[in-house]
Amino acid sequence: QESTTKALDIQEKLEANRMKTVEVENEKENLLDEIQKISEEKAAAMAKLEEMTQTLDSNDEYSAIQRKALEEMESRNKTLVSEVDSLQNAVQESTTKALDIQEKLEANRMK
């Protein structure tokens, strides 16, 4: 009876760990998707930045307006880089949590 109770407890813990692993993996996938979107936005911003830089070089008439837009693009770009860094840190944390859960699952299986 006692070992049956322990086995049921371990089974419940394993299932809870599996559910948490799935949850962490889903969160990781969502974060990776978000990183991809931000990276694409960053690439578009960089392309626009390059285009605006070339326009600045060839058209002095609009240079003041373009410089302001360029500064805004650079500011947005810095924000995007910061967001990507934050998301990458979150993915790393999720991965670490998933690995910890997997280690616990393995330890529980060994018991």
N, C-alpha and C. Protein backbone atom coordinates (compact mmCIF):
# COMPACT_ATOMS: atom_id res chain seq x y z
N GLN A 1 0.83 -1.20 0.00
CA GLN A 1 0.00 0.00 0.00
C GLN A 1 0.88 1.26 0.00
N GLU A 2 1.90 1.24 0.87
CA GLU A 2 2.77 2.41 0.95
C GLU A 2 3.51 2.67 -0.36
N SER A 3 4.04 1.64 -0.97
CA SER A 3 4.75 1.83 -2.24
C SER A 3 3.78 2.20 -3.36
N THR A 4 2.54 1.71 -3.29
CA THR A 4 1.52 2.11 -4.28
C THR A 4 1.24 3.60 -4.14
N THR A 5 1.13 4.07 -2.92
CA THR A 5 0.90 5.50 -2.67
C THR A 5 2.07 6.32 -3.17
N LYS A 6 3.29 5.85 -2.88
CA LYS A 6 4.49 6.56 -3.37
C LYS A 6 4.52 6.57 -4.89
N ALA A 7 4.19 5.45 -5.50
CA ALA A 7 4.19 5.36 -6.96
C ALA A 7 3.17 6.33 -7.55
N LEU A 8 2.00 6.41 -6.94
CA LEU A 8 0.98 7.35 -7.41
C LEU A 8 1.45 8.79 -7.25
N ASP A 9 2.09 9.07 -6.11
CA ASP A 9 2.63 10.42 -5.88
C ASP A 9 3.67 10.76 -6.94
N ILE A 10 4.56 9.82 -7.23
CA ILE A 10 5.60 10.05 -8.24
C ILE A 10 4.96 10.25 -9.60
N GLN A 11 3.93 9.43 -9.90
CA GLN A 11 3.23 9.58 -11.19
C GLN A 11 2.61 10.97 -11.31
N GLU A 12 1.99 11.43 -10.24
CA GLU A 12 1.38 12.76 -10.25
C GLU A 12 2.44 13.83 -10.46
N LYS A 13 3.58 13.69 -9.78
CA LYS A 13 4.67 14.66 -9.93
C LYS A 13 5.24 14.63 -11.34
N LEU A 14 5.38 13.42 -11.90
CA LEU A 14 5.87 13.30 -13.27
C LEU A 14 4.91 13.99 -14.25
N GLU A 15 3.63 13.78 -14.05
CA GLU A 15 2.64 14.39 -14.96
C GLU A 15 2.68 15.92 -14.81
N ALA A 16 2.79 16.39 -13.57
CA ALA A 16 2.87 17.84 -13.35
C ALA A 16 4.13 18.40 -14.01
N ASN A 17 5.24 17.67 -13.88
CA ASN A 17 6.47 18.11 -14.53
C ASN A 17 6.35 18.10 -16.04
N ARG A 18 5.69 17.07 -16.57
CA ARG A 18 5.48 17.03 -18.03
C ARG A 18 4.66 18.22 -18.50
N MET A 19 3.60 18.52 -17.75
CA MET A 19 2.74 19.66 -18.10
C MET A 19 3.54 20.96 -18.05
N LYS A 20 4.37 21.10 -17.03
CA LYS A 20 5.19 22.31 -16.89
C LYS A 20 6.19 22.38 -18.04
N THR A 21 6.77 21.23 -18.41
CA THR A 21 7.72 21.21 -19.53
C THR A 21 7.04 21.66 -20.81
N VAL A 22 5.83 21.17 -21.05
CA VAL A 22 5.07 21.58 -22.24
C VAL A 22 4.79 23.07 -22.20
N GLU A 23 4.41 23.54 -21.03
CA GLU A 23 4.12 24.97 -20.85
C GLU A 23 5.36 25.82 -21.13
N VAL A 24 6.50 25.39 -20.59
CA VAL A 24 7.76 26.13 -20.80
C VAL A 24 8.16 26.08 -22.27
N GLU A 25 8.00 24.92 -22.90
CA GLU A 25 8.33 24.80 -24.32
C GLU A 25 7.44 25.71 -25.17
N ASN A 26 6.16 25.77 -24.84
CA ASN A 26 5.25 26.67 -25.57
C ASN A 26 5.65 28.12 -25.39
N GLU A 27 6.00 28.47 -24.16
CA GLU A 27 6.45 29.84 -23.89
C GLU A 27 7.73 30.13 -24.68
N LYS A 28 8.62 29.17 -24.72
CA LYS A 28 9.87 29.34 -25.47
C LYS A 28 9.57 29.56 -26.95
N GLU A 29 8.67 28.75 -27.51
CA GLU A 29 8.30 28.90 -28.93
C GLU A 29 7.69 30.28 -29.19
N ASN A 30 6.83 30.72 -28.29
CA ASN A 30 6.22 32.05 -28.44
C ASN A 30 7.29 33.14 -28.41
N LEU A 31 8.24 33.01 -27.50
CA LEU A 31 9.31 33.99 -27.42
C LEU A 31 10.19 33.96 -28.68
N LEU A 32 10.46 32.76 -29.17
CA LEU A 32 11.24 32.66 -30.41
C LEU A 32 10.51 33.30 -31.58
N ASP A 33 9.19 33.11 -31.65
CA ASP A 33 8.39 33.75 -32.70
C ASP A 33 8.47 35.27 -32.58
N GLU A 34 8.38 35.74 -31.35
CA GLU A 34 8.44 37.19 -31.11
C GLU A 34 9.82 37.74 -31.48
N ILE A 35 10.86 36.99 -31.15
CA ILE A 35 12.22 37.40 -31.53
C ILE A 35 12.33 37.49 -33.05
N GLN A 36 11.76 36.50 -33.74
CA GLN A 36 11.80 36.49 -35.21
C GLN A 36 11.10 37.72 -35.78
N LYS A 37 9.93 38.04 -35.24
CA LYS A 37 9.18 39.21 -35.72
C LYS A 37 9.99 40.49 -35.48
N ILE A 38 10.56 40.60 -34.29
CA ILE A 38 11.35 41.80 -33.97
C ILE A 38 12.60 41.87 -34.85
N SER A 39 13.20 40.71 -35.11
CA SER A 39 14.38 40.69 -35.98
C SER A 39 14.02 41.15 -37.39
N GLU A 40 12.85 40.71 -37.87
CA GLU A 40 12.41 41.14 -39.19
C GLU A 40 12.13 42.64 -39.21
N GLU A 41 11.52 43.12 -38.15
CA GLU A 41 11.25 44.56 -38.05
C GLU A 41 12.57 45.34 -38.00
N LYS A 42 13.53 44.77 -37.28
CA LYS A 42 14.85 45.40 -37.19
C LYS A 42 15.51 45.45 -38.57
N ALA A 43 15.42 44.34 -39.32
CA ALA A 43 16.01 44.30 -40.67
C ALA A 43 15.35 45.34 -41.58
N ALA A 44 14.03 45.45 -41.48
CA ALA A 44 13.32 46.46 -42.27
C ALA A 44 13.74 47.87 -41.86
N ALA A 45 13.91 48.07 -40.56
CA ALA A 45 14.35 49.38 -40.07
C ALA A 45 15.76 49.69 -40.55
N MET A 46 16.63 48.67 -40.56
CA MET A 46 18.00 48.88 -41.04
C MET A 46 17.99 49.22 -42.54
N ALA A 47 17.15 48.54 -43.31
CA ALA A 47 17.05 48.82 -44.74
C ALA A 47 16.55 50.24 -44.97
N LYS A 48 15.56 50.62 -44.19
CA LYS A 48 15.03 51.98 -44.30
C LYS A 48 16.10 52.99 -43.88
N LEU A 49 16.83 52.67 -42.85
CA LEU A 49 17.91 53.53 -42.38
C LEU A 49 18.95 53.74 -43.47
N GLU A 50 19.34 52.65 -44.14
CA GLU A 50 20.31 52.74 -45.23
C GLU A 50 19.76 53.57 -46.38
N GLU A 51 18.50 53.33 -46.70
CA GLU A 51 17.86 54.10 -47.77
C GLU A 51 17.84 55.59 -47.44
N MET A 52 17.49 55.88 -46.19
CA MET A 52 17.44 57.29 -45.78
C MET A 52 18.84 57.91 -45.77
N THR A 53 19.84 57.14 -45.38
CA THR A 53 21.21 57.64 -45.38
C THR A 53 21.64 58.00 -46.81
N GLN A 54 21.33 57.13 -47.77
CA GLN A 54 21.67 57.40 -49.16
C GLN A 54 20.93 58.63 -49.67
N THR A 55 19.67 58.76 -49.26
CA THR A 55 18.89 59.93 -49.67
C THR A 55 19.50 61.20 -49.10
N LEU A 56 19.94 61.12 -47.85
CA LEU A 56 20.59 62.28 -47.23
C LEU A 56 21.81 62.72 -48.02
N ASP A 57 22.59 61.73 -48.46
CA ASP A 57 23.80 62.03 -49.21
C ASP A 57 23.49 62.71 -50.54
N SER A 58 22.37 62.35 -51.15
CA SER A 58 22.08 62.85 -52.50
C SER A 58 21.11 64.02 -52.54
N ASN A 59 20.51 64.38 -51.43
CA ASN A 59 19.48 65.41 -51.49
C ASN A 59 19.55 66.34 -50.28
N ASP A 60 20.31 67.41 -50.41
CA ASP A 60 20.50 68.35 -49.30
C ASP A 60 19.22 69.09 -48.92
N GLU A 61 18.31 69.23 -49.87
CA GLU A 61 17.09 70.00 -49.66
C GLU A 61 16.25 69.45 -48.50
N TYR A 62 16.22 68.15 -48.35
CA TYR A 62 15.42 67.53 -47.29
C TYR A 62 16.25 67.01 -46.13
N SER A 63 17.48 67.41 -46.06
CA SER A 63 18.38 66.81 -45.08
C SER A 63 17.94 67.01 -43.63
N ALA A 64 17.41 68.14 -43.29
CA ALA A 64 17.00 68.36 -41.89
C ALA A 64 15.88 67.41 -41.50
N ILE A 65 14.90 67.25 -42.36
CA ILE A 65 13.78 66.34 -42.09
C ILE A 65 14.29 64.90 -42.04
N GLN A 66 15.15 64.57 -42.96
CA GLN A 66 15.67 63.21 -43.03
C GLN A 66 16.54 62.87 -41.83
N ARG A 67 17.32 63.84 -41.38
CA ARG A 67 18.15 63.60 -40.19
C ARG A 67 17.26 63.28 -38.98
N LYS A 68 16.17 64.04 -38.86
CA LYS A 68 15.24 63.78 -37.75
C LYS A 68 14.66 62.37 -37.88
N ALA A 69 14.24 62.02 -39.07
CA ALA A 69 13.70 60.67 -39.27
C ALA A 69 14.77 59.61 -39.01
N LEU A 70 15.98 59.90 -39.43
CA LEU A 70 17.09 58.97 -39.22
C LEU A 70 17.34 58.77 -37.72
N GLU A 71 17.30 59.86 -36.97
CA GLU A 71 17.47 59.76 -35.53
C GLU A 71 16.36 58.92 -34.91
N GLU A 72 15.14 59.12 -35.38
CA GLU A 72 14.02 58.32 -34.88
C GLU A 72 14.21 56.84 -35.21
N MET A 73 14.69 56.57 -36.42
CA MET A 73 14.94 55.18 -36.82
C MET A 73 16.06 54.58 -35.96
N GLU A 74 17.10 55.34 -35.70
CA GLU A 74 18.20 54.84 -34.87
C GLU A 74 17.71 54.56 -33.45
N SER A 75 16.86 55.45 -32.94
CA SER A 75 16.31 55.26 -31.60
C SER A 75 15.45 54.00 -31.57
N ARG A 76 14.62 53.83 -32.58
CA ARG A 76 13.77 52.63 -32.65
C ARG A 76 14.63 51.37 -32.78
N ASN A 77 15.68 51.49 -33.55
CA ASN A 77 16.59 50.36 -33.74
C ASN A 77 17.22 49.95 -32.41
N LYS A 78 17.65 50.94 -31.62
CA LYS A 78 18.22 50.63 -30.31
C LYS A 78 17.19 49.95 -29.42
N THR A 79 15.95 50.42 -29.49
CA THR A 79 14.87 49.81 -28.72
C THR A 79 14.66 48.37 -29.16
N LEU A 80 14.67 48.14 -30.47
CA LEU A 80 14.49 46.77 -30.99
C LEU A 80 15.62 45.86 -30.52
N VAL A 81 16.84 46.37 -30.56
CA VAL A 81 17.98 45.57 -30.11
C VAL A 81 17.79 45.21 -28.64
N SER A 82 17.36 46.17 -27.85
CA SER A 82 17.13 45.93 -26.42
C SER A 82 16.03 44.89 -26.22
N GLU A 83 14.95 44.99 -27.02
CA GLU A 83 13.85 44.02 -26.92
C GLU A 83 14.32 42.63 -27.31
N VAL A 84 15.10 42.54 -28.36
CA VAL A 84 15.63 41.24 -28.79
C VAL A 84 16.50 40.65 -27.68
N ASP A 85 17.36 41.47 -27.08
CA ASP A 85 18.20 41.00 -25.99
C ASP A 85 17.35 40.48 -24.83
N SER A 86 16.31 41.22 -24.47
CA SER A 86 15.44 40.81 -23.37
C SER A 86 14.75 39.49 -23.70
N LEU A 87 14.26 39.38 -24.93
CA LEU A 87 13.59 38.15 -25.33
C LEU A 87 14.55 36.97 -25.37
N GLN A 88 15.78 37.22 -25.83
CA GLN A 88 16.76 36.15 -25.85
C GLN A 88 17.08 35.69 -24.42
N ASN A 89 17.13 36.64 -23.50
CA ASN A 89 17.36 36.28 -22.09
C ASN A 89 16.19 35.45 -21.56
N ALA A 90 14.97 35.84 -21.93
CA ALA A 90 13.78 35.09 -21.50
C ALA A 90 13.80 33.68 -22.08
N VAL A 91 14.20 33.55 -23.34
CA VAL A 91 14.29 32.22 -23.95
C VAL A 91 15.33 31.39 -23.22
N GLN A 92 16.46 32.01 -22.89
CA GLN A 92 17.51 31.30 -22.16
C GLN A 92 17.00 30.82 -20.81
N GLU A 93 16.25 31.68 -20.12
CA GLU A 93 15.69 31.29 -18.83
C GLU A 93 14.71 30.14 -19.00
N SER A 94 13.86 30.21 -20.03
CA SER A 94 12.90 29.13 -20.29
C SER A 94 13.62 27.84 -20.60
N THR A 95 14.68 27.93 -21.38
CA THR A 95 15.45 26.74 -21.72
C THR A 95 16.09 26.14 -20.47
N THR A 96 16.62 26.99 -19.62
CA THR A 96 17.22 26.52 -18.37
C THR A 96 16.16 25.84 -17.50
N LYS A 97 14.96 26.45 -17.42
CA LYS A 97 13.88 25.85 -16.64
C LYS A 97 13.50 24.49 -17.23
N ALA A 98 13.41 24.42 -18.55
CA ALA A 98 13.05 23.17 -19.21
C ALA A 98 14.09 22.10 -18.91
N LEU A 99 15.36 22.48 -18.94
CA LEU A 99 16.43 21.52 -18.64
C LEU A 99 16.36 21.07 -17.19
N ASP A 100 16.07 21.99 -16.28
CA ASP A 100 15.92 21.63 -14.87
C ASP A 100 14.77 20.64 -14.69
N ILE A 101 13.67 20.91 -15.38
CA ILE A 101 12.50 20.02 -15.29
C ILE A 101 12.86 18.65 -15.85
N GLN A 102 13.57 18.63 -16.97
CA GLN A 102 13.96 17.36 -17.55
C GLN A 102 14.88 16.59 -16.61
N GLU A 103 15.79 17.28 -15.94
CA GLU A 103 16.66 16.62 -14.97
C GLU A 103 15.85 16.04 -13.81
N LYS A 104 14.85 16.79 -13.34
CA LYS A 104 14.00 16.30 -12.26
C LYS A 104 13.19 15.09 -12.72
N LEU A 105 12.68 15.17 -13.94
CA LEU A 105 11.94 14.02 -14.49
C LEU A 105 12.83 12.79 -14.53
N GLU A 106 14.07 12.98 -14.99
CA GLU A 106 15.00 11.86 -15.08
C GLU A 106 15.31 11.31 -13.68
N ALA A 107 15.49 12.20 -12.73
CA ALA A 107 15.77 11.78 -11.36
C ALA A 107 14.56 11.00 -10.80
N ASN A 108 13.36 11.48 -11.09
CA ASN A 108 12.16 10.78 -10.64
C ASN A 108 12.03 9.40 -11.31
N ARG A 109 12.40 9.32 -12.55
CA ARG A 109 12.35 8.04 -13.25
C ARG A 109 13.34 7.05 -12.64
N MET A 110 14.49 7.58 -12.22
CA MET A 110 15.51 6.72 -11.63
C MET A 110 15.04 6.17 -10.27
N LYS A 111 14.21 6.95 -9.57
CA LYS A 111 13.66 6.48 -8.29
C LYS A 111 12.70 5.35 -8.59
